[in-house]
Amino acid sequence: MRDIPGIEPRGETPQRVVAVTNLREFFRDNLHGALERQHLAVEDQTEHYVVNLLTLFARSDALYEQSPEGPRLKPLVVMLAEALEARSTGDRNRGLQRLGDVSLFVAGFFAHSFARKLIDVDYHIAMGGRAYQTLADALGRGRSPALAQVFAELAEKFQPLVDTLNEVSESSHRHTDEDVLRLYELWLKTGSRRSYRILRRLGVNPAPSARTPQ
């Protein structure tokens, strides 16, 4: 798995470090280009939100939470339970936002690492999309209609955005045979159009009948 600026996956040897002078501009330019190549249109506020998210989580201390065992990510189901059991509306909304943000970032940048885990990328897509939609519904009933629209779009376009972040992460990646199998698995589970296009470019023709509707 490739590294991204400022973050190192735990337990893995870094392969490449990108030297940039302005991290926010790096993510803004790369995300905008990836959105165009994916033919995915999002509102300016949504694109700005994702750029801020990538810039924030490029710092490992913002992504991981401290525990007695060291930095770790809470299981998504624990994050959901904590959000739903929060004592205040504000804490509940922040918990749902954290769940959506972490799900989007991890699914977008670490999709290939899921091949070695029991929980796969489709689980993160489902959990993150639902968290954002629940948050959008809550904010839409309050005094934050503009922010509600951002989260609603993130929920609606969660999977295509994961594809877009995959491209930001893997823009210079050379696919091995193992990667081809993983791309095929991602296409089967999520219907990723990006994975489908890469497979076709690599000479693999996925059969539509192989996919089971989610």
N, C-alpha and C. Protein backbone atom coordinates (compact mmCIF):
# COMPACT_ATOMS: atom_id res chain seq x y z
N MET A 1 0.84 -1.20 0.00
CA MET A 1 0.00 0.00 0.00
C MET A 1 0.87 1.24 0.00
N ARG A 2 0.49 2.21 -0.80
CA ARG A 2 1.24 3.44 -0.85
C ARG A 2 0.95 4.30 0.36
N ASP A 3 1.95 5.06 0.75
CA ASP A 3 1.76 6.02 1.82
C ASP A 3 1.18 7.30 1.25
N ILE A 4 0.64 8.11 2.14
CA ILE A 4 0.20 9.45 1.77
C ILE A 4 0.98 10.42 2.62
N PRO A 5 1.03 11.68 2.25
CA PRO A 5 1.84 12.63 3.00
C PRO A 5 1.44 12.69 4.46
N GLY A 6 2.41 12.51 5.34
CA GLY A 6 2.17 12.73 6.76
C GLY A 6 1.56 11.57 7.50
N ILE A 7 1.30 10.44 6.86
CA ILE A 7 0.67 9.32 7.58
C ILE A 7 1.35 8.03 7.18
N GLU A 8 1.56 7.18 8.15
CA GLU A 8 2.23 5.92 7.91
C GLU A 8 1.35 4.81 8.44
N PRO A 9 0.86 3.87 7.60
CA PRO A 9 0.05 2.77 8.10
C PRO A 9 0.85 1.97 9.11
N ARG A 10 0.23 1.65 10.23
CA ARG A 10 0.93 0.91 11.27
C ARG A 10 1.23 -0.50 10.80
N GLY A 11 2.45 -0.97 11.13
CA GLY A 11 2.81 -2.34 10.83
C GLY A 11 3.24 -2.56 9.40
N GLU A 12 3.38 -1.49 8.60
CA GLU A 12 3.78 -1.65 7.21
C GLU A 12 4.99 -0.78 6.94
N THR A 13 5.86 -1.22 6.05
CA THR A 13 7.03 -0.47 5.68
C THR A 13 6.67 0.57 4.64
N PRO A 14 6.95 1.84 4.88
CA PRO A 14 6.60 2.86 3.89
C PRO A 14 7.35 2.64 2.60
N GLN A 15 6.63 2.82 1.47
CA GLN A 15 7.22 2.64 0.16
C GLN A 15 7.56 3.96 -0.50
N ARG A 16 6.79 4.98 -0.18
CA ARG A 16 7.03 6.26 -0.84
C ARG A 16 6.49 7.38 0.03
N VAL A 17 7.23 8.45 0.14
CA VAL A 17 6.78 9.64 0.85
C VAL A 17 6.71 10.78 -0.14
N VAL A 18 5.57 11.44 -0.21
CA VAL A 18 5.39 12.55 -1.14
C VAL A 18 5.81 13.83 -0.45
N ALA A 19 6.77 14.53 -1.03
CA ALA A 19 7.23 15.79 -0.46
C ALA A 19 6.40 16.93 -1.05
N VAL A 20 5.67 17.64 -0.21
CA VAL A 20 4.85 18.76 -0.66
C VAL A 20 5.08 19.94 0.27
N THR A 21 4.91 21.14 -0.27
CA THR A 21 5.09 22.34 0.54
C THR A 21 3.80 22.77 1.19
N ASN A 22 2.66 22.42 0.59
CA ASN A 22 1.36 22.79 1.14
C ASN A 22 0.44 21.60 0.99
N LEU A 23 0.14 20.95 2.12
CA LEU A 23 -0.63 19.71 2.08
C LEU A 23 -2.05 19.94 1.58
N ARG A 24 -2.66 21.06 2.00
CA ARG A 24 -4.03 21.34 1.57
C ARG A 24 -4.10 21.54 0.06
N GLU A 25 -3.14 22.26 -0.50
CA GLU A 25 -3.12 22.46 -1.94
C GLU A 25 -2.86 21.15 -2.67
N PHE A 26 -2.02 20.30 -2.12
CA PHE A 26 -1.75 18.99 -2.72
C PHE A 26 -3.04 18.19 -2.83
N PHE A 27 -3.79 18.10 -1.75
CA PHE A 27 -5.03 17.33 -1.77
C PHE A 27 -6.09 18.01 -2.64
N ARG A 28 -6.13 19.34 -2.61
CA ARG A 28 -7.12 20.05 -3.43
C ARG A 28 -6.91 19.76 -4.91
N ASP A 29 -5.66 19.89 -5.36
CA ASP A 29 -5.36 19.69 -6.77
C ASP A 29 -5.59 18.23 -7.18
N ASN A 30 -5.13 17.30 -6.36
CA ASN A 30 -5.26 15.88 -6.70
C ASN A 30 -6.70 15.41 -6.63
N LEU A 31 -7.45 15.90 -5.65
CA LEU A 31 -8.86 15.52 -5.55
C LEU A 31 -9.64 16.09 -6.72
N HIS A 32 -9.39 17.34 -7.07
CA HIS A 32 -10.13 17.95 -8.19
C HIS A 32 -9.86 17.20 -9.49
N GLY A 33 -8.62 16.85 -9.73
CA GLY A 33 -8.29 16.09 -10.93
C GLY A 33 -8.93 14.72 -10.94
N ALA A 34 -8.93 14.05 -9.78
CA ALA A 34 -9.53 12.72 -9.70
C ALA A 34 -11.04 12.78 -9.91
N LEU A 35 -11.69 13.80 -9.37
CA LEU A 35 -13.13 13.97 -9.58
C LEU A 35 -13.44 14.13 -11.07
N GLU A 36 -12.63 14.90 -11.77
CA GLU A 36 -12.85 15.10 -13.21
C GLU A 36 -12.66 13.79 -13.96
N ARG A 37 -11.62 13.02 -13.62
CA ARG A 37 -11.37 11.77 -14.32
C ARG A 37 -12.44 10.72 -14.01
N GLN A 38 -13.02 10.80 -12.81
CA GLN A 38 -14.09 9.89 -12.44
C GLN A 38 -15.45 10.37 -12.94
N HIS A 39 -15.48 11.56 -13.57
CA HIS A 39 -16.73 12.16 -14.06
C HIS A 39 -17.74 12.27 -12.91
N LEU A 40 -17.24 12.67 -11.75
CA LEU A 40 -18.08 12.82 -10.57
C LEU A 40 -18.19 14.29 -10.22
N ALA A 41 -19.40 14.82 -10.25
CA ALA A 41 -19.64 16.22 -9.93
C ALA A 41 -20.15 16.33 -8.49
N VAL A 42 -19.49 17.17 -7.70
CA VAL A 42 -19.96 17.45 -6.35
C VAL A 42 -19.97 18.96 -6.16
N GLU A 43 -20.75 19.42 -5.21
CA GLU A 43 -20.81 20.84 -4.92
C GLU A 43 -19.46 21.32 -4.37
N ASP A 44 -19.18 22.61 -4.56
CA ASP A 44 -17.90 23.16 -4.10
C ASP A 44 -17.72 22.96 -2.60
N GLN A 45 -18.82 23.11 -1.83
CA GLN A 45 -18.72 22.95 -0.38
C GLN A 45 -18.36 21.51 -0.01
N THR A 46 -18.87 20.55 -0.78
CA THR A 46 -18.57 19.14 -0.50
C THR A 46 -17.11 18.84 -0.83
N GLU A 47 -16.64 19.35 -1.98
CA GLU A 47 -15.24 19.16 -2.34
C GLU A 47 -14.32 19.79 -1.29
N HIS A 48 -14.68 20.98 -0.83
CA HIS A 48 -13.89 21.66 0.20
C HIS A 48 -13.88 20.84 1.48
N TYR A 49 -15.01 20.24 1.83
CA TYR A 49 -15.08 19.42 3.04
C TYR A 49 -14.13 18.23 2.94
N VAL A 50 -14.12 17.56 1.80
CA VAL A 50 -13.26 16.37 1.63
C VAL A 50 -11.79 16.78 1.67
N VAL A 51 -11.44 17.91 1.06
CA VAL A 51 -10.06 18.38 1.12
C VAL A 51 -9.64 18.62 2.57
N ASN A 52 -10.50 19.25 3.35
CA ASN A 52 -10.20 19.49 4.76
C ASN A 52 -10.06 18.17 5.52
N LEU A 53 -10.91 17.20 5.17
CA LEU A 53 -10.86 15.89 5.82
C LEU A 53 -9.52 15.21 5.54
N LEU A 54 -9.09 15.23 4.28
CA LEU A 54 -7.82 14.59 3.92
C LEU A 54 -6.65 15.29 4.60
N THR A 55 -6.70 16.62 4.64
CA THR A 55 -5.63 17.38 5.28
C THR A 55 -5.56 17.06 6.77
N LEU A 56 -6.71 16.95 7.40
CA LEU A 56 -6.74 16.64 8.84
C LEU A 56 -6.20 15.25 9.11
N PHE A 57 -6.70 14.25 8.39
CA PHE A 57 -6.33 12.87 8.67
C PHE A 57 -4.95 12.50 8.14
N ALA A 58 -4.31 13.40 7.39
CA ALA A 58 -2.92 13.17 7.03
C ALA A 58 -2.03 13.17 8.27
N ARG A 59 -2.54 13.75 9.36
CA ARG A 59 -1.86 13.67 10.66
C ARG A 59 -2.39 12.46 11.39
N SER A 60 -1.52 11.52 11.67
CA SER A 60 -1.97 10.26 12.27
C SER A 60 -2.62 10.48 13.63
N ASP A 61 -2.21 11.53 14.36
CA ASP A 61 -2.81 11.76 15.67
C ASP A 61 -4.26 12.20 15.57
N ALA A 62 -4.66 12.72 14.40
CA ALA A 62 -6.06 13.09 14.19
C ALA A 62 -6.89 11.89 13.77
N LEU A 63 -6.27 10.93 13.08
CA LEU A 63 -7.00 9.74 12.63
C LEU A 63 -7.12 8.71 13.73
N TYR A 64 -5.99 8.38 14.37
CA TYR A 64 -6.00 7.34 15.40
C TYR A 64 -6.33 7.93 16.76
N GLU A 65 -6.86 7.10 17.63
CA GLU A 65 -7.17 7.48 19.00
C GLU A 65 -6.21 6.77 19.93
N GLN A 66 -5.80 7.47 20.99
CA GLN A 66 -4.86 6.90 21.93
C GLN A 66 -5.56 5.89 22.84
N SER A 67 -4.88 4.78 23.11
CA SER A 67 -5.38 3.75 24.00
C SER A 67 -4.21 3.20 24.79
N PRO A 68 -4.45 2.40 25.84
CA PRO A 68 -3.34 1.80 26.59
C PRO A 68 -2.42 0.96 25.72
N GLU A 69 -2.97 0.43 24.61
CA GLU A 69 -2.16 -0.38 23.70
C GLU A 69 -1.47 0.46 22.63
N GLY A 70 -1.71 1.76 22.64
CA GLY A 70 -1.12 2.63 21.63
C GLY A 70 -2.18 3.19 20.70
N PRO A 71 -1.78 3.91 19.65
CA PRO A 71 -2.75 4.48 18.70
C PRO A 71 -3.57 3.39 18.01
N ARG A 72 -4.87 3.63 17.90
CA ARG A 72 -5.73 2.64 17.28
C ARG A 72 -6.98 3.32 16.72
N LEU A 73 -7.67 2.61 15.83
CA LEU A 73 -8.97 3.05 15.35
C LEU A 73 -10.04 2.22 16.04
N LYS A 74 -11.04 2.89 16.60
CA LYS A 74 -12.14 2.16 17.19
C LYS A 74 -12.91 1.41 16.11
N PRO A 75 -13.44 0.23 16.43
CA PRO A 75 -14.32 -0.44 15.47
C PRO A 75 -15.50 0.47 15.14
N LEU A 76 -15.95 0.43 13.90
CA LEU A 76 -17.03 1.31 13.47
C LEU A 76 -18.30 1.10 14.29
N VAL A 77 -18.58 -0.14 14.64
CA VAL A 77 -19.80 -0.41 15.40
C VAL A 77 -19.73 0.23 16.79
N VAL A 78 -18.53 0.30 17.36
CA VAL A 78 -18.36 0.97 18.66
C VAL A 78 -18.57 2.47 18.50
N MET A 79 -18.02 3.04 17.42
CA MET A 79 -18.22 4.46 17.16
C MET A 79 -19.70 4.79 16.97
N LEU A 80 -20.42 3.90 16.27
CA LEU A 80 -21.86 4.12 16.07
C LEU A 80 -22.61 4.05 17.39
N ALA A 81 -22.30 3.06 18.21
CA ALA A 81 -22.97 2.91 19.51
C ALA A 81 -22.73 4.13 20.39
N GLU A 82 -21.49 4.62 20.41
CA GLU A 82 -21.17 5.79 21.23
C GLU A 82 -21.92 7.03 20.74
N ALA A 83 -22.07 7.16 19.42
CA ALA A 83 -22.79 8.31 18.88
C ALA A 83 -24.27 8.24 19.25
N LEU A 84 -24.87 7.06 19.09
CA LEU A 84 -26.29 6.92 19.36
C LEU A 84 -26.62 7.04 20.85
N GLU A 85 -25.63 6.72 21.70
CA GLU A 85 -25.85 6.78 23.15
C GLU A 85 -25.35 8.08 23.76
N ALA A 86 -24.94 9.02 22.93
CA ALA A 86 -24.42 10.30 23.43
C ALA A 86 -25.48 11.05 24.23
N ARG A 87 -25.05 11.79 25.21
CA ARG A 87 -25.98 12.48 26.11
C ARG A 87 -26.55 13.75 25.50
N SER A 88 -25.88 14.31 24.53
CA SER A 88 -26.35 15.56 23.92
C SER A 88 -26.45 15.41 22.41
N THR A 89 -27.26 16.26 21.80
CA THR A 89 -27.39 16.25 20.34
C THR A 89 -26.06 16.59 19.67
N GLY A 90 -25.34 17.53 20.26
CA GLY A 90 -24.05 17.92 19.69
C GLY A 90 -23.06 16.77 19.69
N ASP A 91 -22.99 16.04 20.81
CA ASP A 91 -22.08 14.90 20.89
C ASP A 91 -22.50 13.80 19.91
N ARG A 92 -23.80 13.61 19.77
CA ARG A 92 -24.30 12.60 18.82
C ARG A 92 -23.91 12.96 17.39
N ASN A 93 -24.09 14.23 17.03
CA ASN A 93 -23.75 14.66 15.68
C ASN A 93 -22.25 14.56 15.42
N ARG A 94 -21.45 14.93 16.41
CA ARG A 94 -20.00 14.83 16.25
C ARG A 94 -19.56 13.37 16.11
N GLY A 95 -20.22 12.49 16.84
CA GLY A 95 -19.90 11.07 16.73
C GLY A 95 -20.24 10.51 15.37
N LEU A 96 -21.41 10.91 14.84
CA LEU A 96 -21.80 10.45 13.50
C LEU A 96 -20.86 11.01 12.44
N GLN A 97 -20.45 12.28 12.61
CA GLN A 97 -19.53 12.88 11.65
C GLN A 97 -18.19 12.15 11.68
N ARG A 98 -17.70 11.83 12.87
CA ARG A 98 -16.44 11.10 13.00
C ARG A 98 -16.54 9.73 12.33
N LEU A 99 -17.65 9.06 12.52
CA LEU A 99 -17.85 7.75 11.91
C LEU A 99 -17.83 7.85 10.39
N GLY A 100 -18.55 8.83 9.84
CA GLY A 100 -18.56 9.01 8.40
C GLY A 100 -17.19 9.38 7.86
N ASP A 101 -16.50 10.29 8.56
CA ASP A 101 -15.19 10.75 8.10
C ASP A 101 -14.17 9.62 8.09
N VAL A 102 -14.11 8.86 9.18
CA VAL A 102 -13.14 7.77 9.26
C VAL A 102 -13.45 6.70 8.21
N SER A 103 -14.73 6.39 8.04
CA SER A 103 -15.11 5.38 7.05
C SER A 103 -14.69 5.80 5.65
N LEU A 104 -14.93 7.06 5.29
CA LEU A 104 -14.58 7.55 3.97
C LEU A 104 -13.07 7.53 3.76
N PHE A 105 -12.34 8.02 4.73
CA PHE A 105 -10.89 8.09 4.59
C PHE A 105 -10.27 6.69 4.50
N VAL A 106 -10.67 5.81 5.39
CA VAL A 106 -10.07 4.46 5.41
C VAL A 106 -10.44 3.69 4.15
N ALA A 107 -11.70 3.75 3.75
CA ALA A 107 -12.12 3.05 2.53
C ALA A 107 -11.43 3.64 1.30
N GLY A 108 -11.17 4.94 1.32
CA GLY A 108 -10.56 5.59 0.17
C GLY A 108 -9.07 5.35 0.06
N PHE A 109 -8.37 5.30 1.20
CA PHE A 109 -6.92 5.22 1.15
C PHE A 109 -6.36 3.85 1.49
N PHE A 110 -7.12 3.01 2.17
CA PHE A 110 -6.58 1.73 2.60
C PHE A 110 -7.40 0.55 2.09
N ALA A 111 -8.08 0.72 0.96
CA ALA A 111 -8.97 -0.33 0.45
C ALA A 111 -8.26 -1.65 0.22
N HIS A 112 -7.03 -1.62 -0.27
CA HIS A 112 -6.34 -2.86 -0.58
C HIS A 112 -5.93 -3.63 0.67
N SER A 113 -5.80 -2.96 1.80
CA SER A 113 -5.41 -3.66 3.02
C SER A 113 -6.54 -4.52 3.58
N PHE A 114 -7.78 -4.28 3.14
CA PHE A 114 -8.90 -5.05 3.65
C PHE A 114 -8.84 -6.51 3.23
N ALA A 115 -8.04 -6.83 2.22
CA ALA A 115 -7.94 -8.22 1.76
C ALA A 115 -7.44 -9.13 2.86
N ARG A 116 -6.77 -8.58 3.87
CA ARG A 116 -6.24 -9.39 4.97
C ARG A 116 -7.10 -9.31 6.22
N LYS A 117 -8.28 -8.69 6.11
CA LYS A 117 -9.11 -8.48 7.30
C LYS A 117 -10.49 -9.09 7.09
N LEU A 118 -11.18 -9.32 8.24
CA LEU A 118 -12.52 -9.90 8.18
C LEU A 118 -13.54 -8.88 7.70
N ILE A 119 -13.35 -7.61 8.08
CA ILE A 119 -14.27 -6.55 7.68
C ILE A 119 -13.77 -5.91 6.40
N ASP A 120 -14.63 -5.81 5.39
CA ASP A 120 -14.19 -5.35 4.08
C ASP A 120 -14.66 -3.92 3.82
N VAL A 121 -14.26 -3.43 2.65
CA VAL A 121 -14.51 -2.03 2.31
C VAL A 121 -16.01 -1.75 2.17
N ASP A 122 -16.80 -2.72 1.76
CA ASP A 122 -18.23 -2.48 1.61
C ASP A 122 -18.89 -2.18 2.95
N TYR A 123 -18.34 -2.74 4.02
CA TYR A 123 -18.85 -2.46 5.36
C TYR A 123 -18.60 -0.99 5.72
N HIS A 124 -17.40 -0.49 5.40
CA HIS A 124 -17.10 0.92 5.66
C HIS A 124 -17.98 1.83 4.82
N ILE A 125 -18.23 1.44 3.58
CA ILE A 125 -19.09 2.25 2.71
C ILE A 125 -20.51 2.32 3.28
N ALA A 126 -21.02 1.18 3.72
CA ALA A 126 -22.38 1.15 4.27
C ALA A 126 -22.47 1.96 5.56
N MET A 127 -21.52 1.76 6.47
CA MET A 127 -21.56 2.45 7.76
C MET A 127 -21.36 3.95 7.58
N GLY A 128 -20.39 4.33 6.75
CA GLY A 128 -20.12 5.75 6.55
C GLY A 128 -21.26 6.47 5.87
N GLY A 129 -21.83 5.84 4.84
CA GLY A 129 -22.94 6.46 4.14
C GLY A 129 -24.15 6.66 5.03
N ARG A 130 -24.44 5.67 5.87
CA ARG A 130 -25.59 5.80 6.78
C ARG A 130 -25.33 6.85 7.85
N ALA A 131 -24.11 6.93 8.33
CA ALA A 131 -23.78 7.94 9.34
C ALA A 131 -23.97 9.34 8.78
N TYR A 132 -23.45 9.58 7.58
CA TYR A 132 -23.61 10.89 6.96
C TYR A 132 -25.08 11.21 6.70
N GLN A 133 -25.87 10.22 6.24
CA GLN A 133 -27.27 10.48 5.95
C GLN A 133 -28.05 10.78 7.23
N THR A 134 -27.78 10.05 8.29
CA THR A 134 -28.44 10.31 9.58
C THR A 134 -28.09 11.71 10.06
N LEU A 135 -26.82 12.09 9.91
CA LEU A 135 -26.38 13.43 10.30
C LEU A 135 -27.06 14.50 9.45
N ALA A 136 -27.17 14.25 8.15
CA ALA A 136 -27.82 15.21 7.26
C ALA A 136 -29.28 15.40 7.65
N ASP A 137 -29.96 14.31 7.96
CA ASP A 137 -31.37 14.41 8.37
C ASP A 137 -31.52 15.23 9.65
N ALA A 138 -30.61 15.01 10.60
CA ALA A 138 -30.68 15.73 11.87
C ALA A 138 -30.41 17.22 11.67
N LEU A 139 -29.39 17.55 10.90
CA LEU A 139 -29.05 18.95 10.68
C LEU A 139 -30.09 19.65 9.82
N GLY A 140 -30.73 18.90 8.93
CA GLY A 140 -31.76 19.48 8.08
C GLY A 140 -32.97 19.93 8.86
N ARG A 141 -33.18 19.30 10.01
CA ARG A 141 -34.31 19.70 10.87
C ARG A 141 -33.94 20.85 11.80
N GLY A 142 -32.68 21.22 11.80
CA GLY A 142 -32.21 22.29 12.68
C GLY A 142 -31.91 23.56 11.92
N ARG A 143 -30.81 24.21 12.32
CA ARG A 143 -30.47 25.51 11.74
C ARG A 143 -29.24 25.43 10.83
N SER A 144 -28.92 24.26 10.33
CA SER A 144 -27.73 24.10 9.48
C SER A 144 -28.09 23.45 8.16
N PRO A 145 -28.99 24.05 7.37
CA PRO A 145 -29.41 23.41 6.11
C PRO A 145 -28.26 23.29 5.10
N ALA A 146 -27.33 24.26 5.08
CA ALA A 146 -26.23 24.19 4.13
C ALA A 146 -25.31 23.03 4.46
N LEU A 147 -25.00 22.86 5.74
CA LEU A 147 -24.15 21.75 6.16
C LEU A 147 -24.87 20.43 5.96
N ALA A 148 -26.18 20.42 6.16
CA ALA A 148 -26.96 19.21 5.93
C ALA A 148 -26.86 18.76 4.48
N GLN A 149 -26.84 19.72 3.55
CA GLN A 149 -26.72 19.38 2.13
C GLN A 149 -25.37 18.75 1.81
N VAL A 150 -24.31 19.22 2.50
CA VAL A 150 -22.99 18.63 2.29
C VAL A 150 -22.99 17.17 2.72
N PHE A 151 -23.52 16.89 3.90
CA PHE A 151 -23.53 15.52 4.40
C PHE A 151 -24.47 14.64 3.58
N ALA A 152 -25.56 15.21 3.09
CA ALA A 152 -26.48 14.44 2.25
C ALA A 152 -25.78 14.03 0.96
N GLU A 153 -24.99 14.94 0.37
CA GLU A 153 -24.27 14.60 -0.86
C GLU A 153 -23.17 13.58 -0.58
N LEU A 154 -22.49 13.71 0.55
CA LEU A 154 -21.48 12.73 0.92
C LEU A 154 -22.11 11.34 1.07
N ALA A 155 -23.32 11.29 1.64
CA ALA A 155 -24.01 10.01 1.80
C ALA A 155 -24.43 9.44 0.45
N GLU A 156 -25.00 10.29 -0.39
CA GLU A 156 -25.50 9.83 -1.69
C GLU A 156 -24.38 9.34 -2.60
N LYS A 157 -23.22 10.00 -2.54
CA LYS A 157 -22.12 9.71 -3.47
C LYS A 157 -20.93 9.07 -2.75
N PHE A 158 -21.20 8.37 -1.65
CA PHE A 158 -20.13 7.82 -0.83
C PHE A 158 -19.25 6.86 -1.63
N GLN A 159 -19.86 5.90 -2.32
CA GLN A 159 -19.06 4.91 -3.05
C GLN A 159 -18.26 5.55 -4.19
N PRO A 160 -18.86 6.42 -5.03
CA PRO A 160 -18.03 7.10 -6.04
C PRO A 160 -16.92 7.94 -5.45
N LEU A 161 -17.15 8.53 -4.27
CA LEU A 161 -16.10 9.29 -3.62
C LEU A 161 -14.98 8.37 -3.14
N VAL A 162 -15.33 7.18 -2.69
CA VAL A 162 -14.31 6.20 -2.34
C VAL A 162 -13.45 5.87 -3.55
N ASP A 163 -14.09 5.67 -4.71
CA ASP A 163 -13.35 5.45 -5.96
C ASP A 163 -12.40 6.62 -6.23
N THR A 164 -12.89 7.83 -6.02
CA THR A 164 -12.08 9.03 -6.28
C THR A 164 -10.86 9.07 -5.36
N LEU A 165 -11.06 8.76 -4.08
CA LEU A 165 -9.94 8.77 -3.15
C LEU A 165 -8.98 7.62 -3.45
N ASN A 166 -9.51 6.49 -3.92
CA ASN A 166 -8.63 5.41 -4.37
C ASN A 166 -7.67 5.92 -5.43
N GLU A 167 -8.19 6.73 -6.36
CA GLU A 167 -7.36 7.26 -7.44
C GLU A 167 -6.33 8.24 -6.91
N VAL A 168 -6.73 9.09 -5.96
CA VAL A 168 -5.78 10.01 -5.34
C VAL A 168 -4.64 9.22 -4.69
N SER A 169 -4.98 8.11 -4.04
CA SER A 169 -3.99 7.30 -3.34
C SER A 169 -3.12 6.50 -4.27
N GLU A 170 -3.67 6.07 -5.42
CA GLU A 170 -2.97 5.10 -6.26
C GLU A 170 -2.62 5.65 -7.64
N SER A 171 -2.44 6.94 -7.76
CA SER A 171 -2.26 7.54 -9.08
C SER A 171 -1.06 6.98 -9.82
N SER A 172 -0.04 6.50 -9.12
CA SER A 172 1.13 5.94 -9.81
C SER A 172 1.34 4.48 -9.45
N HIS A 173 0.27 3.82 -9.02
CA HIS A 173 0.40 2.43 -8.58
C HIS A 173 0.44 1.47 -9.76
N ARG A 174 1.34 0.49 -9.70
CA ARG A 174 1.40 -0.56 -10.71
C ARG A 174 0.73 -1.80 -10.14
N HIS A 175 -0.25 -2.32 -10.85
CA HIS A 175 -1.07 -3.39 -10.33
C HIS A 175 -0.42 -4.76 -10.52
N THR A 176 -0.32 -5.52 -9.44
CA THR A 176 0.18 -6.89 -9.48
C THR A 176 -1.00 -7.84 -9.70
N ASP A 177 -0.70 -9.14 -9.86
CA ASP A 177 -1.77 -10.13 -10.01
C ASP A 177 -2.68 -10.12 -8.78
N GLU A 178 -2.08 -9.95 -7.61
CA GLU A 178 -2.88 -9.89 -6.38
C GLU A 178 -3.80 -8.68 -6.40
N ASP A 179 -3.31 -7.55 -6.92
CA ASP A 179 -4.14 -6.35 -7.02
C ASP A 179 -5.32 -6.59 -7.96
N VAL A 180 -5.10 -7.30 -9.06
CA VAL A 180 -6.17 -7.57 -10.01
C VAL A 180 -7.29 -8.36 -9.34
N LEU A 181 -6.92 -9.36 -8.56
CA LEU A 181 -7.92 -10.14 -7.84
C LEU A 181 -8.68 -9.26 -6.85
N ARG A 182 -7.94 -8.36 -6.18
CA ARG A 182 -8.57 -7.47 -5.21
C ARG A 182 -9.51 -6.49 -5.91
N LEU A 183 -9.10 -5.96 -7.07
CA LEU A 183 -9.98 -5.08 -7.84
C LEU A 183 -11.26 -5.79 -8.24
N TYR A 184 -11.13 -7.04 -8.65
CA TYR A 184 -12.31 -7.82 -9.05
C TYR A 184 -13.23 -8.03 -7.84
N GLU A 185 -12.64 -8.28 -6.67
CA GLU A 185 -13.43 -8.45 -5.46
C GLU A 185 -14.14 -7.15 -5.09
N LEU A 186 -13.43 -6.03 -5.21
CA LEU A 186 -14.05 -4.74 -4.92
C LEU A 186 -15.21 -4.46 -5.86
N TRP A 187 -15.04 -4.80 -7.14
CA TRP A 187 -16.11 -4.59 -8.11
C TRP A 187 -17.32 -5.46 -7.76
N LEU A 188 -17.06 -6.72 -7.39
CA LEU A 188 -18.16 -7.62 -7.02
C LEU A 188 -18.94 -7.07 -5.83
N LYS A 189 -18.23 -6.54 -4.84
CA LYS A 189 -18.87 -6.15 -3.58
C LYS A 189 -19.49 -4.77 -3.63
N THR A 190 -18.88 -3.84 -4.38
CA THR A 190 -19.34 -2.45 -4.32
C THR A 190 -19.83 -1.91 -5.65
N GLY A 191 -19.58 -2.63 -6.75
CA GLY A 191 -19.95 -2.11 -8.05
C GLY A 191 -19.09 -0.94 -8.49
N SER A 192 -17.88 -0.84 -7.94
CA SER A 192 -16.98 0.27 -8.23
C SER A 192 -16.73 0.41 -9.73
N ARG A 193 -17.13 1.53 -10.30
CA ARG A 193 -16.90 1.77 -11.72
C ARG A 193 -15.42 1.94 -12.01
N ARG A 194 -14.70 2.53 -11.07
CA ARG A 194 -13.26 2.68 -11.26
C ARG A 194 -12.58 1.32 -11.34
N SER A 195 -12.91 0.42 -10.42
CA SER A 195 -12.32 -0.93 -10.46
C SER A 195 -12.65 -1.62 -11.77
N TYR A 196 -13.88 -1.44 -12.24
CA TYR A 196 -14.28 -2.05 -13.51
C TYR A 196 -13.44 -1.53 -14.67
N ARG A 197 -13.23 -0.20 -14.71
CA ARG A 197 -12.45 0.38 -15.80
C ARG A 197 -11.00 -0.09 -15.76
N ILE A 198 -10.43 -0.19 -14.54
CA ILE A 198 -9.04 -0.66 -14.43
C ILE A 198 -8.94 -2.11 -14.88
N LEU A 199 -9.91 -2.93 -14.47
CA LEU A 199 -9.90 -4.34 -14.89
C LEU A 199 -9.96 -4.45 -16.40
N ARG A 200 -10.84 -3.68 -17.03
CA ARG A 200 -10.92 -3.72 -18.49
C ARG A 200 -9.61 -3.27 -19.13
N ARG A 201 -8.99 -2.25 -18.56
CA ARG A 201 -7.72 -1.76 -19.09
C ARG A 201 -6.61 -2.81 -18.94
N LEU A 202 -6.71 -3.64 -17.89
CA LEU A 202 -5.72 -4.69 -17.66
C LEU A 202 -6.05 -5.97 -18.40
N GLY A 203 -7.12 -5.95 -19.21
CA GLY A 203 -7.46 -7.11 -20.01
C GLY A 203 -8.43 -8.07 -19.36
N VAL A 204 -9.04 -7.67 -18.25
CA VAL A 204 -10.03 -8.52 -17.57
C VAL A 204 -11.41 -7.98 -17.89
N ASN A 205 -12.32 -8.86 -18.29
CA ASN A 205 -13.68 -8.46 -18.67
C ASN A 205 -14.66 -9.01 -17.65
N PRO A 206 -14.97 -8.26 -16.57
CA PRO A 206 -15.90 -8.76 -15.55
C PRO A 206 -17.30 -9.01 -16.13
N ALA A 207 -17.88 -10.13 -15.78
CA ALA A 207 -19.21 -10.47 -16.27
C ALA A 207 -20.27 -9.85 -15.38
N PRO A 208 -21.19 -9.05 -15.91
CA PRO A 208 -22.23 -8.42 -15.09
C PRO A 208 -23.02 -9.41 -14.25
N SER A 209 -23.22 -10.62 -14.77
CA SER A 209 -24.00 -11.63 -14.05
C SER A 209 -23.30 -12.11 -12.79
N ALA A 210 -22.00 -11.80 -12.64
CA ALA A 210 -21.26 -12.27 -11.46
C ALA A 210 -21.61 -11.47 -10.22
N ARG A 211 -22.11 -10.25 -10.43
CA ARG A 211 -22.40 -9.39 -9.26
C ARG A 211 -23.75 -9.74 -8.68
N THR A 212 -23.79 -9.75 -7.33
CA THR A 212 -25.04 -9.92 -6.61
C THR A 212 -25.49 -8.55 -6.14
N PRO A 213 -26.70 -8.10 -6.49
CA PRO A 213 -27.16 -6.78 -6.07
C PRO A 213 -27.08 -6.65 -4.56
N GLN A 214 -26.54 -5.50 -4.09
CA GLN A 214 -26.39 -5.27 -2.66
C GLN A 214 -27.73 -4.83 -2.07
